[in-house]
Amino acid sequence: MYKLAAIVGPTASGKTDLALKLARKLGGEIVSCDSMQVYRGMDIGTAKASPEERYFVPHHLIDIVDIDQDFNVAQYQRLSRQVIADINDRGNLPIMVGGTGLYYQAVVDNYHFFPMESKKTVRKKWEDLIDESGLDFAYSVLQKVDQAYSQMISGSDRKRIVRALEVYELTGKPFSTFQKREQETYHLAVVGLYQERQELYSRIDQRVDQMLEEGLIDEILALRQKPNYRDDLNSMQALGYKQVIAYLNGFIDREGMINEIKRETRRFAKRQFTWFNKDQRIFWIEAGENTKVEILLEKMCTYIEGHWHTV
């Protein structure tokens, strides 16, 4: 059975930086577990590792599709399995890093996805309802009929919200019940990073400000010049991108855009922690501002290496 380490947790909890240091210490390669880092050209808003960082530590499943291409969890599961096997076969350690809970779950528990065909009339009904009443309304309906799945995805993920509501209407069963899992897929060691809520929220606010300083708006303006660009692309529903597009289209002012990105990111981080906290396999480490990086790395290494000595 192949080895797999993972670093999970809410956005802005410090996963990327610690994963890079851990990979260099343990001879690892990073497997991105982020549903938006798969898209080419979406760099600043998805907080991708820099080209320099990727030069020193190999990264996988980043920049693999164009912004107008559909990409789903089943594709991620298939590709990540191949990558994890290849890294193991070369004698290195795969380290899955990210905060997309559904992608993580699909890999570590080997989900079997329900291959039901879409029904255009039902899907169009929900699309039209969202256009009339807003995405928040549709997400609130999903929370009522399938709370488990609603916690796995972002409230701004229009594509997955519509799909889950479509399946529920056609079958009368929550979408999450069709995703069967198998345990013991890998020799798994998972570390979760967390901070106290106010500290995490402060880090989120700082990250949003930094992304804007680094050129998030210019990044989106460049994407809009691509011939395959549309505002309603699934990729453009990502946190930060959606709000900047609303600003560029004149629907909100700059201050409103910034406040909305920060507010929605805080809400997303809360959902992420709630979801990951249900996984009893995760070894949680507090990664507060006052904790030295060397101490965090030592804790992570001790847990991961010690975990495999017991299996």
Protein backbone atom coordinates (compact mmCIF):
# COMPACT_ATOMS: atom_id res chain seq x y z
CA MET A 1 0.00 0.00 0.00
CA TYR A 2 1.37 3.41 -1.02
CA LYS A 3 2.26 6.12 1.49
CA LEU A 4 0.46 9.45 1.44
CA ALA A 5 0.98 12.45 3.71
CA ALA A 6 -1.44 15.36 3.70
CA ILE A 7 -1.58 18.87 5.11
CA VAL A 8 -5.09 20.28 5.32
CA GLY A 9 -6.95 23.09 7.03
CA PRO A 10 -8.67 26.41 6.41
CA THR A 11 -7.45 28.91 3.87
CA ALA A 12 -4.65 31.21 5.13
CA SER A 13 -3.63 28.74 7.84
CA GLY A 14 -0.07 28.49 6.49
CA LYS A 15 -0.29 25.18 4.61
CA THR A 16 1.75 26.19 1.55
CA ASP A 17 4.81 27.51 3.37
CA LEU A 18 4.99 24.63 5.83
CA ALA A 19 4.40 22.06 3.09
CA LEU A 20 7.35 23.41 1.10
CA LYS A 21 9.64 23.16 4.12
CA LEU A 22 8.31 19.70 5.03
CA ALA A 23 8.81 18.42 1.47
CA ARG A 24 12.44 19.53 1.44
CA LYS A 25 12.99 17.90 4.83
CA LEU A 26 11.35 14.55 3.99
CA GLY A 27 12.15 14.27 0.28
CA GLY A 28 8.57 14.96 -0.72
CA GLU A 29 6.65 16.21 -3.72
CA ILE A 30 3.52 18.30 -3.36
CA VAL A 31 0.17 17.22 -4.79
CA SER A 32 -2.15 20.22 -4.87
CA CYS A 33 -5.58 19.61 -3.37
CA ASP A 34 -7.22 22.82 -4.54
CA SER A 35 -10.08 22.94 -7.01
CA MET A 36 -9.00 26.31 -8.42
CA GLN A 37 -5.22 25.89 -8.65
CA VAL A 38 -5.82 23.50 -11.55
CA TYR A 39 -6.59 26.50 -13.78
CA ARG A 40 -3.87 28.19 -15.80
CA GLY A 41 -3.52 31.92 -15.27
CA MET A 42 -5.24 31.95 -11.88
CA ASP A 43 -2.15 32.43 -9.74
CA ILE A 44 -2.51 35.32 -7.30
CA GLY A 45 -6.11 34.70 -6.25
CA THR A 46 -5.53 30.99 -5.63
CA ALA A 47 -2.26 31.59 -3.71
CA LYS A 48 -0.20 29.21 -5.84
CA ALA A 49 3.38 28.54 -4.88
CA SER A 50 5.73 30.73 -6.89
CA PRO A 51 7.71 29.39 -9.88
CA GLU A 52 10.85 29.56 -7.72
CA GLU A 53 9.25 27.48 -4.99
CA ARG A 54 8.05 24.97 -7.54
CA TYR A 55 11.55 24.75 -8.96
CA PHE A 56 12.96 23.52 -5.67
CA VAL A 57 10.00 21.27 -4.76
CA PRO A 58 8.07 19.44 -7.51
CA HIS A 59 4.36 20.31 -7.61
CA HIS A 60 1.58 18.35 -9.27
CA LEU A 61 -2.00 19.07 -10.43
CA ILE A 62 -1.38 22.81 -10.79
CA ASP A 63 -2.00 24.60 -14.12
CA ILE A 64 -3.45 21.57 -15.89
CA VAL A 65 -6.58 23.03 -17.55
CA ASP A 66 -7.65 26.29 -19.19
CA ILE A 67 -10.18 28.51 -17.46
CA ASP A 68 -13.04 27.50 -19.76
CA GLN A 69 -12.54 23.75 -19.30
CA ASP A 70 -14.72 21.72 -17.00
CA PHE A 71 -12.85 19.96 -14.22
CA ASN A 72 -14.46 17.86 -11.54
CA VAL A 73 -13.66 15.78 -8.50
CA ALA A 74 -13.73 12.48 -10.40
CA GLN A 75 -11.04 13.78 -12.76
CA TYR A 76 -9.00 14.99 -9.81
CA GLN A 77 -9.32 11.61 -8.12
CA ARG A 78 -8.09 9.77 -11.21
CA LEU A 79 -5.14 12.08 -11.83
CA SER A 80 -4.09 12.25 -8.19
CA ARG A 81 -4.04 8.46 -7.92
CA GLN A 82 -1.66 8.31 -10.86
CA VAL A 83 0.57 11.04 -9.41
CA ILE A 84 0.66 9.48 -5.92
CA ALA A 85 1.62 6.09 -7.34
CA ASP A 86 4.34 7.62 -9.53
CA ILE A 87 5.87 9.58 -6.64
CA ASN A 88 5.92 6.47 -4.45
CA ASP A 89 7.44 4.38 -7.24
CA ARG A 90 10.28 6.88 -7.53
CA GLY A 91 10.99 6.55 -3.81
CA ASN A 92 9.66 9.97 -2.81
CA LEU A 93 6.86 11.02 -0.48
CA PRO A 94 3.63 12.50 -1.92
CA ILE A 95 2.30 15.31 0.26
CA MET A 96 -1.23 16.36 -0.60
CA VAL A 97 -1.75 20.00 0.34
CA GLY A 98 -4.89 22.10 0.19
CA GLY A 99 -8.29 22.94 1.55
CA THR A 100 -10.76 21.49 -0.96
CA GLY A 101 -12.45 18.97 1.29
CA LEU A 102 -14.27 17.05 -1.41
CA TYR A 103 -11.06 16.50 -3.39
CA TYR A 104 -9.24 15.33 -0.25
CA GLN A 105 -12.07 12.97 0.67
CA ALA A 106 -12.28 11.50 -2.83
CA VAL A 107 -8.63 10.49 -2.67
CA VAL A 108 -8.13 9.32 0.91
CA ASP A 109 -11.41 7.37 1.04
CA ASN A 110 -11.49 6.30 -2.61
CA TYR A 111 -14.97 7.63 -3.36
CA HIS A 112 -17.05 5.89 -6.01
CA PHE A 113 -19.04 8.55 -7.80
CA PHE A 114 -22.58 8.15 -9.05
CA PRO A 115 -22.46 8.56 -12.85
CA MET A 116 -26.00 9.87 -13.36
CA GLU A 117 -26.60 11.75 -16.59
CA SER A 118 -27.68 15.35 -16.35
CA LYS A 119 -31.26 16.26 -17.25
CA LYS A 120 -31.28 19.61 -19.04
CA THR A 121 -34.79 20.67 -18.02
CA VAL A 122 -34.10 20.20 -14.30
CA ARG A 123 -30.71 21.85 -14.51
CA LYS A 124 -32.14 24.81 -16.44
CA LYS A 125 -34.83 25.25 -13.81
CA TRP A 126 -32.22 25.66 -11.09
CA GLU A 127 -30.03 27.87 -13.29
CA ASP A 128 -33.00 30.15 -13.94
CA LEU A 129 -33.93 30.18 -10.25
CA ILE A 130 -30.40 31.24 -9.34
CA ASP A 131 -30.54 34.04 -11.91
CA GLU A 132 -33.79 35.25 -10.35
CA SER A 133 -33.24 34.65 -6.63
CA GLY A 134 -29.47 34.46 -6.28
CA LEU A 135 -26.91 31.75 -5.58
CA ASP A 136 -27.26 32.20 -1.81
CA PHE A 137 -30.88 31.07 -2.07
CA ALA A 138 -29.93 27.89 -3.97
CA TYR A 139 -27.16 27.16 -1.47
CA SER A 140 -29.63 27.54 1.42
CA VAL A 141 -31.87 24.96 -0.26
CA LEU A 142 -28.90 22.60 -0.62
CA GLN A 143 -28.07 23.05 3.08
CA LYS A 144 -31.58 21.87 3.93
CA VAL A 145 -31.71 18.83 1.61
CA ASP A 146 -28.05 17.77 1.78
CA GLN A 147 -26.17 19.36 4.64
CA ALA A 148 -23.23 16.95 4.31
CA TYR A 149 -22.48 17.94 0.71
CA SER A 150 -23.10 21.64 1.35
CA GLN A 151 -20.26 21.55 3.88
CA MET A 152 -17.90 20.03 1.31
CA ILE A 153 -18.24 22.82 -1.23
CA SER A 154 -18.13 26.60 -1.35
CA GLY A 155 -21.35 28.57 -1.26
CA SER A 156 -20.14 30.30 -4.42
CA ASP A 157 -19.64 27.05 -6.37
CA ARG A 158 -22.60 27.41 -8.70
CA LYS A 159 -21.78 24.35 -10.80
CA ARG A 160 -21.69 21.91 -7.89
CA ILE A 161 -24.69 23.46 -6.15
CA VAL A 162 -26.80 23.04 -9.29
CA ARG A 163 -25.59 19.48 -9.82
CA ALA A 164 -26.42 18.45 -6.24
CA LEU A 165 -29.89 20.01 -6.40
CA GLU A 166 -30.48 18.37 -9.78
CA VAL A 167 -29.58 14.93 -8.40
CA TYR A 168 -31.79 15.46 -5.35
CA GLU A 169 -34.76 16.46 -7.48
CA LEU A 170 -34.33 13.50 -9.85
CA THR A 171 -33.74 10.85 -7.19
CA GLY A 172 -35.18 12.20 -3.95
CA LYS A 173 -31.87 11.38 -2.28
CA PRO A 174 -29.00 13.65 -1.19
CA PHE A 175 -26.09 13.78 -3.63
CA SER A 176 -23.69 12.90 -0.82
CA THR A 177 -25.33 9.47 -0.37
CA PHE A 178 -24.23 8.42 -3.86
CA GLN A 179 -20.57 9.00 -3.06
CA LYS A 180 -19.55 5.67 -1.58
CA ARG A 181 -16.19 5.42 0.14
CA GLU A 182 -13.65 2.75 0.94
CA GLN A 183 -11.28 3.00 3.87
CA GLU A 184 -7.57 2.13 3.96
CA THR A 185 -6.72 3.33 0.46
CA TYR A 186 -3.24 4.54 1.50
CA HIS A 187 -0.90 4.44 4.45
CA LEU A 188 -2.17 7.87 5.38
CA ALA A 189 -0.73 10.48 7.74
CA VAL A 190 -2.70 13.74 7.86
CA VAL A 191 -1.77 16.95 9.65
CA GLY A 192 -4.35 19.71 10.09
CA LEU A 193 -3.30 23.31 10.74
CA TYR A 194 -5.44 25.73 12.71
CA GLN A 195 -5.34 29.06 14.53
CA GLU A 196 -7.67 30.74 16.97
CA ARG A 197 -10.54 32.29 15.04
CA GLN A 198 -9.57 35.96 15.40
CA GLU A 199 -5.98 35.23 14.42
CA LEU A 200 -7.12 33.28 11.36
CA TYR A 201 -9.50 36.07 10.35
CA SER A 202 -6.69 38.59 10.69
CA ARG A 203 -4.49 36.43 8.45
CA ILE A 204 -7.29 36.19 5.90
CA ASP A 205 -7.66 39.99 5.84
CA GLN A 206 -3.90 40.38 5.38
CA ARG A 207 -3.86 37.82 2.58
CA VAL A 208 -6.66 39.59 0.70
CA ASP A 209 -4.84 42.92 0.98
CA GLN A 210 -1.62 41.26 -0.20
CA MET A 211 -3.32 39.64 -3.21
CA LEU A 212 -4.66 43.01 -4.31
CA GLU A 213 -1.23 44.60 -3.85
CA GLU A 214 0.35 41.82 -5.92
CA GLY A 215 -2.01 42.51 -8.82
CA LEU A 216 -5.14 40.36 -8.50
CA ILE A 217 -7.20 42.88 -10.48
CA ASP A 218 -4.61 42.99 -13.27
CA GLU A 219 -4.54 39.19 -13.32
CA ILE A 220 -8.29 39.08 -13.89
CA LEU A 221 -8.12 41.83 -16.52
CA ALA A 222 -5.57 39.69 -18.38
CA LEU A 223 -7.84 36.63 -18.15
CA ARG A 224 -10.69 38.68 -19.61
CA GLN A 225 -8.64 39.25 -22.75
CA LYS A 226 -8.56 35.54 -23.51
CA PRO A 227 -10.89 34.46 -26.36
CA ASN A 228 -12.37 31.69 -24.22
CA TYR A 229 -13.26 33.98 -21.31
CA ARG A 230 -16.79 34.50 -19.95
CA ASP A 231 -17.87 35.97 -16.63
CA ASP A 232 -20.02 32.92 -15.92
CA LEU A 233 -17.22 30.35 -16.23
CA ASN A 234 -17.06 28.01 -13.25
CA SER A 235 -13.44 29.03 -12.69
CA MET A 236 -14.52 32.66 -12.35
CA GLN A 237 -16.79 31.81 -9.42
CA ALA A 238 -13.71 31.33 -7.24
CA LEU A 239 -13.38 33.45 -4.12
CA GLY A 240 -11.84 36.79 -4.98
CA TYR A 241 -12.36 36.42 -8.72
CA LYS A 242 -16.13 36.64 -8.49
CA GLN A 243 -15.98 39.79 -6.37
CA VAL A 244 -13.37 41.50 -8.57
CA ILE A 245 -15.49 40.77 -11.65
CA ALA A 246 -18.48 42.37 -9.92
CA TYR A 247 -16.30 45.41 -9.21
CA LEU A 248 -15.03 45.60 -12.79
CA ASN A 249 -18.60 45.38 -14.05
CA GLY A 250 -19.63 48.29 -11.84
CA PHE A 251 -21.91 46.36 -9.48
CA ILE A 252 -19.92 47.20 -6.34
CA ASP A 253 -17.28 49.77 -5.46
CA ARG A 254 -13.69 48.94 -4.53
CA GLU A 255 -14.27 49.05 -0.78
CA GLY A 256 -17.34 46.86 -1.11
CA MET A 257 -15.34 44.39 -3.22
CA ILE A 258 -12.58 44.13 -0.60
CA ASN A 259 -15.01 43.74 2.28
CA GLU A 260 -16.97 41.05 0.44
CA ILE A 261 -13.85 39.04 -0.40
CA LYS A 262 -12.76 39.14 3.23
CA ARG A 263 -16.22 38.27 4.55
CA GLU A 264 -16.80 35.39 2.14
CA THR A 265 -13.30 34.02 2.73
CA ARG A 266 -13.88 34.01 6.50
CA ARG A 267 -17.15 32.12 5.96
CA PHE A 268 -15.40 29.66 3.68
CA ALA A 269 -12.61 29.08 6.22
CA LYS A 270 -15.19 28.34 8.89
CA ARG A 271 -16.86 25.75 6.66
CA GLN A 272 -13.48 24.21 5.84
CA PHE A 273 -12.56 23.75 9.48
CA THR A 274 -15.99 22.34 10.35
CA TRP A 275 -15.68 19.80 7.53
CA PHE A 276 -12.10 18.68 8.19
CA ASN A 277 -12.71 18.55 11.94
CA LYS A 278 -15.05 15.60 11.38
CA ASP A 279 -12.17 13.44 10.12
CA GLN A 280 -10.83 11.62 13.16
CA ARG A 281 -7.61 10.67 11.34
CA ILE A 282 -6.34 14.25 11.27
CA PHE A 283 -3.62 15.23 13.75
CA TRP A 284 -4.27 18.89 14.51
CA ILE A 285 -1.46 21.35 15.21
CA GLU A 286 -1.94 24.95 16.26
CA ALA A 287 0.08 27.09 13.86
CA GLY A 288 -0.19 30.41 15.65
CA GLU A 289 1.83 33.51 14.89
CA ASN A 290 3.92 33.05 18.04
CA THR A 291 4.89 29.47 17.25
CA LYS A 292 8.28 29.06 15.61
CA VAL A 293 8.32 27.37 12.21
CA GLU A 294 11.07 24.99 13.38
CA ILE A 295 8.83 23.75 16.20
CA LEU A 296 5.89 23.23 13.84
CA LEU A 297 8.07 21.31 11.39
CA GLU A 298 9.43 19.11 14.16
CA LYS A 299 5.91 18.28 15.31
CA MET A 300 4.81 17.47 11.78
CA CYS A 301 7.84 15.30 11.02
CA THR A 302 7.57 13.46 14.33
CA TYR A 303 3.92 12.66 13.72
CA ILE A 304 4.25 11.63 10.07
CA GLU A 305 7.35 9.48 10.49
CA GLY A 306 6.12 8.02 13.78
CA HIS A 307 2.73 7.25 12.25
CA TRP A 308 4.27 4.94 9.63
CA HIS A 309 6.40 3.14 12.18
CA THR A 310 3.15 1.92 13.74
CA VAL A 311 1.46 0.62 10.57
